[in-house]
């Protein structure tokens, strides 16, 4: 797999980590339902997510896969509120007519949560860091990278919620023989509540590699179901996506994103 592909997928996976959703059980008020997919929810969360990449450019119609385990933890520094999210991937990439699988690069994000004056609107910004923890050269960048992430989520409407995630990262250390990382990504959040915990979703990630001008612009439409048991809220979802514009090697022509998230209320 090309260095361009590895760089794109590393940043791609980091962006995905901020899209974890919360949930509500039927019977909760409409305001709680409107907050169901707020990526800046102030509670602990554990998520398992998967991206199946059905066709990758620059390969012979070959496939790839990413599995992510993610943990989110709110914390405070003085009077300021933050959200920490750490992500560990297991990557499978096409290499020389075969596939290599291994643990990829660990990522972490700390978002400062602004007081917007409106509880239905969340806004956060903060640093992100990627560490070269891959168990195989083919499934990681072999670079330390740092940058920022900015998130907005608006749940003023009880029926339709929206927002975005903007990230950028650049390598600053690591293997000199590997390509530098300089990657930006923009993800939209669109959620439409159908009632009874069921919702429609669209969360594609548009990525641009500033090192080689490669890019990917997918669109997606999926469905999710949320429910609550005790103090834990659950969210299961699937979202097929297809590329409408891309250039360069390592870009997915189509992919299927699915996951299962748990959020733990009350601490």
C-alpha atoms as a PDB file:
ATOM      1  CA  UNK A   1       0.000   0.000   0.000  1.00  0.00           C
ATOM      2  CA  UNK A   2       1.275   3.493  -0.851  1.00  0.00           C
ATOM      3  CA  UNK A   3       2.376   5.993   1.822  1.00  0.00           C
ATOM      4  CA  UNK A   4      -0.427   8.255   0.549  1.00  0.00           C
ATOM      5  CA  UNK A   5      -2.994   5.594   1.351  1.00  0.00           C
ATOM      6  CA  UNK A   6      -1.604   5.011   4.845  1.00  0.00           C
ATOM      7  CA  UNK A   7      -1.572   8.753   5.600  1.00  0.00           C
ATOM      8  CA  UNK A   8      -5.142   9.201   4.365  1.00  0.00           C
ATOM      9  CA  UNK A   9      -6.458   6.281   6.397  1.00  0.00           C
ATOM     10  CA  UNK A  10      -4.637   7.399   9.558  1.00  0.00           C
ATOM     11  CA  UNK A  11      -6.280  10.829   9.464  1.00  0.00           C
ATOM     12  CA  UNK A  12      -9.520   9.323   8.235  1.00  0.00           C
ATOM     13  CA  UNK A  13      -9.750   7.063  11.269  1.00  0.00           C
ATOM     14  CA  UNK A  14      -8.961   9.872  13.701  1.00  0.00           C
ATOM     15  CA  UNK A  15     -11.805  11.928  12.311  1.00  0.00           C
ATOM     16  CA  UNK A  16     -14.148   9.030  12.670  1.00  0.00           C
ATOM     17  CA  UNK A  17     -13.451   8.873  16.407  1.00  0.00           C
ATOM     18  CA  UNK A  18     -15.222  12.163  17.102  1.00  0.00           C
ATOM     19  CA  UNK A  19     -18.466  10.960  15.501  1.00  0.00           C
ATOM     20  CA  UNK A  20     -19.477   8.654  18.361  1.00  0.00           C
ATOM     21  CA  UNK A  21     -23.195   9.036  19.157  1.00  0.00           C
ATOM     22  CA  UNK A  22     -25.207   8.971  22.369  1.00  0.00           C
ATOM     23  CA  UNK A  23     -28.753   7.638  22.705  1.00  0.00           C
ATOM     24  CA  UNK A  24     -32.170   7.934  24.296  1.00  0.00           C
ATOM     25  CA  UNK A  25     -34.858   5.412  25.040  1.00  0.00           C
ATOM     26  CA  UNK A  26     -38.441   5.800  23.746  1.00  0.00           C
ATOM     27  CA  UNK A  27     -40.413   7.970  26.109  1.00  0.00           C
ATOM     28  CA  UNK A  28     -37.676  10.514  26.767  1.00  0.00           C
ATOM     29  CA  UNK A  29     -38.595  14.097  25.945  1.00  0.00           C
ATOM     30  CA  UNK A  30     -37.941  15.547  22.513  1.00  0.00           C
ATOM     31  CA  UNK A  31     -35.064  17.652  23.811  1.00  0.00           C
ATOM     32  CA  UNK A  32     -33.152  14.529  24.893  1.00  0.00           C
ATOM     33  CA  UNK A  33     -33.817  12.926  21.509  1.00  0.00           C
ATOM     34  CA  UNK A  34     -32.403  15.982  19.756  1.00  0.00           C
ATOM     35  CA  UNK A  35     -29.111  15.574  21.696  1.00  0.00           C
ATOM     36  CA  UNK A  36     -28.826  11.865  20.883  1.00  0.00           C
ATOM     37  CA  UNK A  37     -25.915  12.201  18.445  1.00  0.00           C
ATOM     38  CA  UNK A  38     -23.989  15.024  20.077  1.00  0.00           C
ATOM     39  CA  UNK A  39     -20.282  14.094  19.677  1.00  0.00           C
ATOM     40  CA  UNK A  40     -19.405  16.367  22.633  1.00  0.00           C
ATOM     41  CA  UNK A  41     -21.703  14.605  25.107  1.00  0.00           C
ATOM     42  CA  UNK A  42     -20.413  15.029  28.660  1.00  0.00           C
ATOM     43  CA  UNK A  43     -20.160  11.348  29.658  1.00  0.00           C
ATOM     44  CA  UNK A  44     -17.851   8.350  29.479  1.00  0.00           C
ATOM     45  CA  UNK A  45     -18.194   6.306  26.304  1.00  0.00           C
ATOM     46  CA  UNK A  46     -16.863   3.114  24.744  1.00  0.00           C
ATOM     47  CA  UNK A  47     -17.232   2.475  21.034  1.00  0.00           C
ATOM     48  CA  UNK A  48     -16.404  -0.242  18.514  1.00  0.00           C
ATOM     49  CA  UNK A  49     -16.533   0.893  14.901  1.00  0.00           C
ATOM     50  CA  UNK A  50     -15.657  -0.644  11.546  1.00  0.00           C
ATOM     51  CA  UNK A  51     -15.003   0.700   8.074  1.00  0.00           C
ATOM     52  CA  UNK A  52     -15.027  -1.818   5.249  1.00  0.00           C
ATOM     53  CA  UNK A  53     -13.333  -0.231   2.222  1.00  0.00           C
ATOM     54  CA  UNK A  54     -14.756  -2.126  -0.730  1.00  0.00           C
ATOM     55  CA  UNK A  55     -12.586  -0.717  -3.530  1.00  0.00           C
ATOM     56  CA  UNK A  56      -9.398   1.336  -3.095  1.00  0.00           C
ATOM     57  CA  UNK A  57      -7.933   3.451  -5.898  1.00  0.00           C
ATOM     58  CA  UNK A  58      -4.447   2.502  -7.034  1.00  0.00           C
ATOM     59  CA  UNK A  59      -5.162  -1.198  -6.453  1.00  0.00           C
ATOM     60  CA  UNK A  60      -6.703  -3.915  -8.587  1.00  0.00           C
ATOM     61  CA  UNK A  61     -10.208  -3.388  -7.165  1.00  0.00           C
ATOM     62  CA  UNK A  62      -8.790  -4.434  -3.805  1.00  0.00           C
ATOM     63  CA  UNK A  63     -10.340  -3.946  -0.373  1.00  0.00           C
ATOM     64  CA  UNK A  64      -9.245  -2.828   3.077  1.00  0.00           C
ATOM     65  CA  UNK A  65     -10.684  -2.660   6.579  1.00  0.00           C
ATOM     66  CA  UNK A  66     -10.328  -0.707   9.805  1.00  0.00           C
ATOM     67  CA  UNK A  67     -11.633  -1.713  13.240  1.00  0.00           C
ATOM     68  CA  UNK A  68     -11.502   0.955  15.957  1.00  0.00           C
ATOM     69  CA  UNK A  69     -11.810   0.686  19.732  1.00  0.00           C
ATOM     70  CA  UNK A  70     -12.423   4.113  21.278  1.00  0.00           C
ATOM     71  CA  UNK A  71     -12.788   5.500  24.776  1.00  0.00           C
ATOM     72  CA  UNK A  72     -14.038   8.981  25.716  1.00  0.00           C
ATOM     73  CA  UNK A  73     -13.624  10.611  29.132  1.00  0.00           C
ATOM     74  CA  UNK A  74     -14.777  14.092  30.218  1.00  0.00           C
ATOM     75  CA  UNK A  75     -12.532  15.965  32.637  1.00  0.00           C
ATOM     76  CA  UNK A  76     -12.083  19.430  34.122  1.00  0.00           C
ATOM     77  CA  UNK A  77      -9.114  21.726  34.612  1.00  0.00           C
ATOM     78  CA  UNK A  78     -10.149  24.387  37.073  1.00  0.00           C
ATOM     79  CA  UNK A  79     -13.404  25.828  35.771  1.00  0.00           C
ATOM     80  CA  UNK A  80     -12.841  24.628  32.178  1.00  0.00           C
ATOM     81  CA  UNK A  81     -14.436  21.468  30.795  1.00  0.00           C
ATOM     82  CA  UNK A  82     -12.694  19.101  28.381  1.00  0.00           C
ATOM     83  CA  UNK A  83     -13.364  15.837  26.562  1.00  0.00           C
ATOM     84  CA  UNK A  84     -10.537  13.340  25.984  1.00  0.00           C
ATOM     85  CA  UNK A  85     -10.909  10.652  23.323  1.00  0.00           C
ATOM     86  CA  UNK A  86      -8.360   7.899  22.618  1.00  0.00           C
ATOM     87  CA  UNK A  87      -8.558   5.493  19.661  1.00  0.00           C
ATOM     88  CA  UNK A  88      -6.789   2.220  18.847  1.00  0.00           C
ATOM     89  CA  UNK A  89      -7.152   0.791  15.300  1.00  0.00           C
ATOM     90  CA  UNK A  90      -6.620  -2.643  13.816  1.00  0.00           C
ATOM     91  CA  UNK A  91      -5.903  -2.148  10.109  1.00  0.00           C
ATOM     92  CA  UNK A  92      -6.039  -4.488   7.130  1.00  0.00           C
ATOM     93  CA  UNK A  93      -4.527  -3.043   3.943  1.00  0.00           C
ATOM     94  CA  UNK A  94      -3.742  -4.529   0.498  1.00  0.00           C
ATOM     95  CA  UNK A  95      -0.002  -5.006   0.001  1.00  0.00           C
ATOM     96  CA  UNK A  96       1.560  -6.639  -3.061  1.00  0.00           C
ATOM     97  CA  UNK A  97      -1.453  -8.726  -4.016  1.00  0.00           C
ATOM     98  CA  UNK A  98      -2.054  -9.833  -0.425  1.00  0.00           C
ATOM     99  CA  UNK A  99      -3.263  -8.161   2.789  1.00  0.00           C
ATOM    100  CA  UNK A 100      -1.404  -7.140   5.927  1.00  0.00           C
ATOM    101  CA  UNK A 101      -3.204  -6.848   9.275  1.00  0.00           C
ATOM    102  CA  UNK A 102      -1.942  -5.283  12.483  1.00  0.00           C
ATOM    103  CA  UNK A 103      -2.454  -2.635  15.151  1.00  0.00           C
ATOM    104  CA  UNK A 104      -2.175   0.832  13.662  1.00  0.00           C
ATOM    105  CA  UNK A 105      -1.256   4.266  15.001  1.00  0.00           C
ATOM    106  CA  UNK A 106      -2.912   5.334  18.280  1.00  0.00           C
ATOM    107  CA  UNK A 107      -4.638   8.714  18.241  1.00  0.00           C
ATOM    108  CA  UNK A 108      -5.788  11.038  21.012  1.00  0.00           C
ATOM    109  CA  UNK A 109      -7.878  14.208  21.003  1.00  0.00           C
ATOM    110  CA  UNK A 110      -8.587  16.693  23.805  1.00  0.00           C
ATOM    111  CA  UNK A 111     -11.394  19.167  23.076  1.00  0.00           C
ATOM    112  CA  UNK A 112     -12.021  22.260  25.200  1.00  0.00           C
ATOM    113  CA  UNK A 113     -15.803  22.690  25.568  1.00  0.00           C
ATOM    114  CA  UNK A 114     -16.944  26.295  25.224  1.00  0.00           C
ATOM    115  CA  UNK A 115     -19.921  27.690  27.099  1.00  0.00           C
ATOM    116  CA  UNK A 116     -22.114  28.707  24.153  1.00  0.00           C
ATOM    117  CA  UNK A 117     -24.911  30.059  26.351  1.00  0.00           C
ATOM    118  CA  UNK A 118     -27.302  27.615  24.673  1.00  0.00           C
ATOM    119  CA  UNK A 119     -27.419  24.017  25.999  1.00  0.00           C
ATOM    120  CA  UNK A 120     -28.599  22.824  22.574  1.00  0.00           C
ATOM    121  CA  UNK A 121     -25.423  24.074  20.870  1.00  0.00           C
ATOM    122  CA  UNK A 122     -22.021  22.482  21.576  1.00  0.00           C
ATOM    123  CA  UNK A 123     -18.663  23.803  20.384  1.00  0.00           C
ATOM    124  CA  UNK A 124     -15.209  22.406  21.103  1.00  0.00           C
ATOM    125  CA  UNK A 125     -11.644  22.820  19.891  1.00  0.00           C
ATOM    126  CA  UNK A 126      -8.322  21.367  20.967  1.00  0.00           C
ATOM    127  CA  UNK A 127      -5.128  19.489  20.076  1.00  0.00           C
ATOM    128  CA  UNK A 128      -4.804  16.030  18.600  1.00  0.00           C
ATOM    129  CA  UNK A 129      -1.818  13.673  18.576  1.00  0.00           C
ATOM    130  CA  UNK A 130      -1.008  10.545  16.560  1.00  0.00           C
ATOM    131  CA  UNK A 131       1.689   8.158  17.833  1.00  0.00           C
ATOM    132  CA  UNK A 132       3.508   5.615  15.592  1.00  0.00           C
ATOM    133  CA  UNK A 133       2.423   2.462  17.424  1.00  0.00           C
ATOM    134  CA  UNK A 134       1.798   0.254  14.366  1.00  0.00           C
ATOM    135  CA  UNK A 135       2.960  -3.349  14.724  1.00  0.00           C
ATOM    136  CA  UNK A 136       3.792  -3.503  10.997  1.00  0.00           C
ATOM    137  CA  UNK A 137       5.201  -0.887   8.639  1.00  0.00           C
ATOM    138  CA  UNK A 138       2.368  -1.480   6.170  1.00  0.00           C
ATOM    139  CA  UNK A 139      -0.432  -0.530   8.601  1.00  0.00           C
ATOM    140  CA  UNK A 140       0.921   2.729  10.027  1.00  0.00           C
ATOM    141  CA  UNK A 141       2.649   5.977   9.097  1.00  0.00           C
ATOM    142  CA  UNK A 142       5.804   5.518  11.267  1.00  0.00           C
ATOM    143  CA  UNK A 143       5.411   9.230  12.069  1.00  0.00           C
ATOM    144  CA  UNK A 144       4.512  11.338  15.084  1.00  0.00           C
ATOM    145  CA  UNK A 145       1.834  13.830  14.025  1.00  0.00           C
ATOM    146  CA  UNK A 146       0.084  16.693  15.787  1.00  0.00           C
ATOM    147  CA  UNK A 147      -2.638  19.151  14.904  1.00  0.00           C
ATOM    148  CA  UNK A 148      -6.076  20.307  15.980  1.00  0.00           C
ATOM    149  CA  UNK A 149      -9.748  19.369  15.890  1.00  0.00           C
ATOM    150  CA  UNK A 150     -12.800  21.652  15.914  1.00  0.00           C
ATOM    151  CA  UNK A 151     -16.338  20.355  16.486  1.00  0.00           C
ATOM    152  CA  UNK A 152     -19.769  22.007  16.298  1.00  0.00           C
ATOM    153  CA  UNK A 153     -23.109  20.338  17.036  1.00  0.00           C
ATOM    154  CA  UNK A 154     -26.480  22.091  16.885  1.00  0.00           C
ATOM    155  CA  UNK A 155     -29.489  20.320  18.420  1.00  0.00           C
ATOM    156  CA  UNK A 156     -31.822  23.332  18.625  1.00  0.00           C
ATOM    157  CA  UNK A 157     -34.295  21.426  16.460  1.00  0.00           C
ATOM    158  CA  UNK A 158     -35.912  18.381  18.048  1.00  0.00           C
ATOM    159  CA  UNK A 159     -36.259  16.723  14.647  1.00  0.00           C
ATOM    160  CA  UNK A 160     -33.065  17.580  12.757  1.00  0.00           C
ATOM    161  CA  UNK A 161     -29.563  18.041  14.156  1.00  0.00           C
ATOM    162  CA  UNK A 162     -26.402  19.012  12.340  1.00  0.00           C
ATOM    163  CA  UNK A 163     -22.776  19.890  12.824  1.00  0.00           C
ATOM    164  CA  UNK A 164     -19.242  19.355  11.588  1.00  0.00           C
ATOM    165  CA  UNK A 165     -15.794  18.126  12.547  1.00  0.00           C
ATOM    166  CA  UNK A 166     -12.712  19.836  11.101  1.00  0.00           C
ATOM    167  CA  UNK A 167      -9.272  18.291  11.685  1.00  0.00           C
ATOM    168  CA  UNK A 168      -5.710  18.845  10.532  1.00  0.00           C
ATOM    169  CA  UNK A 169      -2.470  17.124  11.433  1.00  0.00           C
ATOM    170  CA  UNK A 170       1.174  17.336  10.359  1.00  0.00           C
ATOM    171  CA  UNK A 171       4.094  15.008  11.142  1.00  0.00           C
ATOM    172  CA  UNK A 172       6.945  16.399  13.238  1.00  0.00           C
ATOM    173  CA  UNK A 173       9.110  13.321  13.969  1.00  0.00           C
ATOM    174  CA  UNK A 174       9.545   9.686  13.043  1.00  0.00           C
ATOM    175  CA  UNK A 175      11.087   7.572  10.296  1.00  0.00           C
ATOM    176  CA  UNK A 176      12.847   9.867   7.812  1.00  0.00           C
ATOM    177  CA  UNK A 177      12.382   7.302   5.056  1.00  0.00           C
ATOM    178  CA  UNK A 178       8.598   7.512   5.285  1.00  0.00           C
ATOM    179  CA  UNK A 179       6.467  10.184   3.639  1.00  0.00           C
ATOM    180  CA  UNK A 180       5.487  13.181   5.759  1.00  0.00           C
ATOM    181  CA  UNK A 181       1.911  13.492   6.998  1.00  0.00           C
ATOM    182  CA  UNK A 182       0.007  16.691   6.195  1.00  0.00           C
ATOM    183  CA  UNK A 183      -3.678  15.889   6.166  1.00  0.00           C
ATOM    184  CA  UNK A 184      -6.933  17.822   6.539  1.00  0.00           C
ATOM    185  CA  UNK A 185     -10.423  16.382   6.884  1.00  0.00           C
ATOM    186  CA  UNK A 186     -13.944  17.780   7.118  1.00  0.00           C
ATOM    187  CA  UNK A 187     -16.863  15.665   8.342  1.00  0.00           C
ATOM    188  CA  UNK A 188     -20.513  16.676   8.290  1.00  0.00           C
ATOM    189  CA  UNK A 189     -23.066  15.485  10.869  1.00  0.00           C
ATOM    190  CA  UNK A 190     -26.663  15.207   9.664  1.00  0.00           C
ATOM    191  CA  UNK A 191     -29.245  13.367  11.804  1.00  0.00           C
ATOM    192  CA  UNK A 192     -32.997  13.156  11.272  1.00  0.00           C
ATOM    193  CA  UNK A 193     -35.120  11.708  14.082  1.00  0.00           C
ATOM    194  CA  UNK A 194     -37.818   9.261  12.969  1.00  0.00           C
ATOM    195  CA  UNK A 195     -39.094   8.533  16.493  1.00  0.00           C
ATOM    196  CA  UNK A 196     -38.844   5.521  18.785  1.00  0.00           C
ATOM    197  CA  UNK A 197     -35.042   5.806  18.906  1.00  0.00           C
ATOM    198  CA  UNK A 198     -34.661   5.334  15.124  1.00  0.00           C
ATOM    199  CA  UNK A 199     -32.880   7.976  13.054  1.00  0.00           C
ATOM    200  CA  UNK A 200     -31.373   8.600   9.633  1.00  0.00           C
ATOM    201  CA  UNK A 201     -27.732   9.654   9.458  1.00  0.00           C
ATOM    202  CA  UNK A 202     -25.148  11.040   7.045  1.00  0.00           C
ATOM    203  CA  UNK A 203     -21.579  11.478   8.319  1.00  0.00           C
ATOM    204  CA  UNK A 204     -19.162  11.330   5.338  1.00  0.00           C
ATOM    205  CA  UNK A 205     -15.586  12.538   5.724  1.00  0.00           C
ATOM    206  CA  UNK A 206     -13.956  14.638   3.004  1.00  0.00           C
ATOM    207  CA  UNK A 207     -10.163  14.339   3.192  1.00  0.00           C
ATOM    208  CA  UNK A 208      -7.331  16.214   1.488  1.00  0.00           C
ATOM    209  CA  UNK A 209      -3.662  15.211   1.537  1.00  0.00           C
ATOM    210  CA  UNK A 210      -1.531  18.366   1.298  1.00  0.00           C
ATOM    211  CA  UNK A 211       1.593  16.298   0.578  1.00  0.00           C
ATOM    212  CA  UNK A 212       0.441  14.905  -2.775  1.00  0.00           C
ATOM    213  CA  UNK A 213      -2.883  16.707  -3.449  1.00  0.00           C
ATOM    214  CA  UNK A 214      -4.845  13.447  -3.177  1.00  0.00           C
ATOM    215  CA  UNK A 215      -8.431  13.830  -1.992  1.00  0.00           C
ATOM    216  CA  UNK A 216     -11.688  11.979  -1.428  1.00  0.00           C
ATOM    217  CA  UNK A 217     -15.252  13.324  -1.334  1.00  0.00           C
ATOM    218  CA  UNK A 218     -17.796  10.646  -0.329  1.00  0.00           C
ATOM    219  CA  UNK A 219     -21.505  10.945   0.411  1.00  0.00           C
ATOM    220  CA  UNK A 220     -23.478   8.596   2.638  1.00  0.00           C
ATOM    221  CA  UNK A 221     -26.890   7.722   3.993  1.00  0.00           C
ATOM    222  CA  UNK A 222     -27.554   5.293   6.834  1.00  0.00           C
ATOM    223  CA  UNK A 223     -29.845   4.377   9.702  1.00  0.00           C
ATOM    224  CA  UNK A 224     -29.335   3.946  13.435  1.00  0.00           C
ATOM    225  CA  UNK A 225     -31.219   2.739  16.500  1.00  0.00           C
ATOM    226  CA  UNK A 226     -30.691   3.957  20.049  1.00  0.00           C
ATOM    227  CA  UNK A 227     -31.966   2.545  23.334  1.00  0.00           C
ATOM    228  CA  UNK A 228     -31.240   2.659  27.055  1.00  0.00           C
ATOM    229  CA  UNK A 229     -30.837  -0.045  29.669  1.00  0.00           C
ATOM    230  CA  UNK A 230     -30.148   1.023  33.228  1.00  0.00           C
ATOM    231  CA  UNK A 231     -27.561   3.815  33.179  1.00  0.00           C
ATOM    232  CA  UNK A 232     -26.113   2.785  29.809  1.00  0.00           C
ATOM    233  CA  UNK A 233     -27.272   4.101  26.455  1.00  0.00           C
ATOM    234  CA  UNK A 234     -26.611   2.126  23.295  1.00  0.00           C
ATOM    235  CA  UNK A 235     -26.404   3.059  19.635  1.00  0.00           C
ATOM    236  CA  UNK A 236     -26.115   0.664  16.671  1.00  0.00           C
ATOM    237  CA  UNK A 237     -25.903   1.959  13.119  1.00  0.00           C
ATOM    238  CA  UNK A 238     -24.835   1.293   9.539  1.00  0.00           C
ATOM    239  CA  UNK A 239     -24.029   3.851   6.837  1.00  0.00           C
ATOM    240  CA  UNK A 240     -22.996   2.947   3.266  1.00  0.00           C
ATOM    241  CA  UNK A 241     -20.951   5.633   1.507  1.00  0.00           C
ATOM    242  CA  UNK A 242     -19.807   6.169  -2.072  1.00  0.00           C
ATOM    243  CA  UNK A 243     -17.184   8.519  -3.505  1.00  0.00           C
ATOM    244  CA  UNK A 244     -18.453  11.272  -5.812  1.00  0.00           C
ATOM    245  CA  UNK A 245     -14.972  12.753  -6.398  1.00  0.00           C
ATOM    246  CA  UNK A 246     -11.469  11.482  -5.669  1.00  0.00           C
ATOM    247  CA  UNK A 247      -7.924  11.694  -6.954  1.00  0.00           C
ATOM    248  CA  UNK A 248      -4.716   9.862  -6.124  1.00  0.00           C
ATOM    249  CA  UNK A 249      -3.974   6.389  -4.763  1.00  0.00           C
ATOM    250  CA  UNK A 250      -5.456   5.036  -1.566  1.00  0.00           C
ATOM    251  CA  UNK A 251      -8.932   6.590  -1.859  1.00  0.00           C
ATOM    252  CA  UNK A 252     -11.986   4.388  -1.157  1.00  0.00           C
ATOM    253  CA  UNK A 253     -14.439   4.240  -4.052  1.00  0.00           C
ATOM    254  CA  UNK A 254     -17.090   2.914  -1.681  1.00  0.00           C
ATOM    255  CA  UNK A 255     -17.213   1.899   1.967  1.00  0.00           C
ATOM    256  CA  UNK A 256     -19.589   0.667   4.634  1.00  0.00           C
ATOM    257  CA  UNK A 257     -19.369   2.222   8.102  1.00  0.00           C
ATOM    258  CA  UNK A 258     -21.030   0.432  10.990  1.00  0.00           C
ATOM    259  CA  UNK A 259     -20.617   0.526  14.727  1.00  0.00           C
ATOM    260  CA  UNK A 260     -21.867  -0.058  18.235  1.00  0.00           C
ATOM    261  CA  UNK A 261     -21.473   2.621  20.910  1.00  0.00           C
ATOM    262  CA  UNK A 262     -22.097   2.646  24.646  1.00  0.00           C
ATOM    263  CA  UNK A 263     -22.331   5.718  26.855  1.00  0.00           C
ATOM    264  CA  UNK A 264     -22.373   5.535  30.636  1.00  0.00           C
ATOM    265  CA  UNK A 265     -24.560   8.072  32.379  1.00  0.00           C
ATOM    266  CA  UNK A 266     -23.875   9.417  35.832  1.00  0.00           C
ATOM    267  CA  UNK A 267     -20.114   9.487  35.763  1.00  0.00           C
END
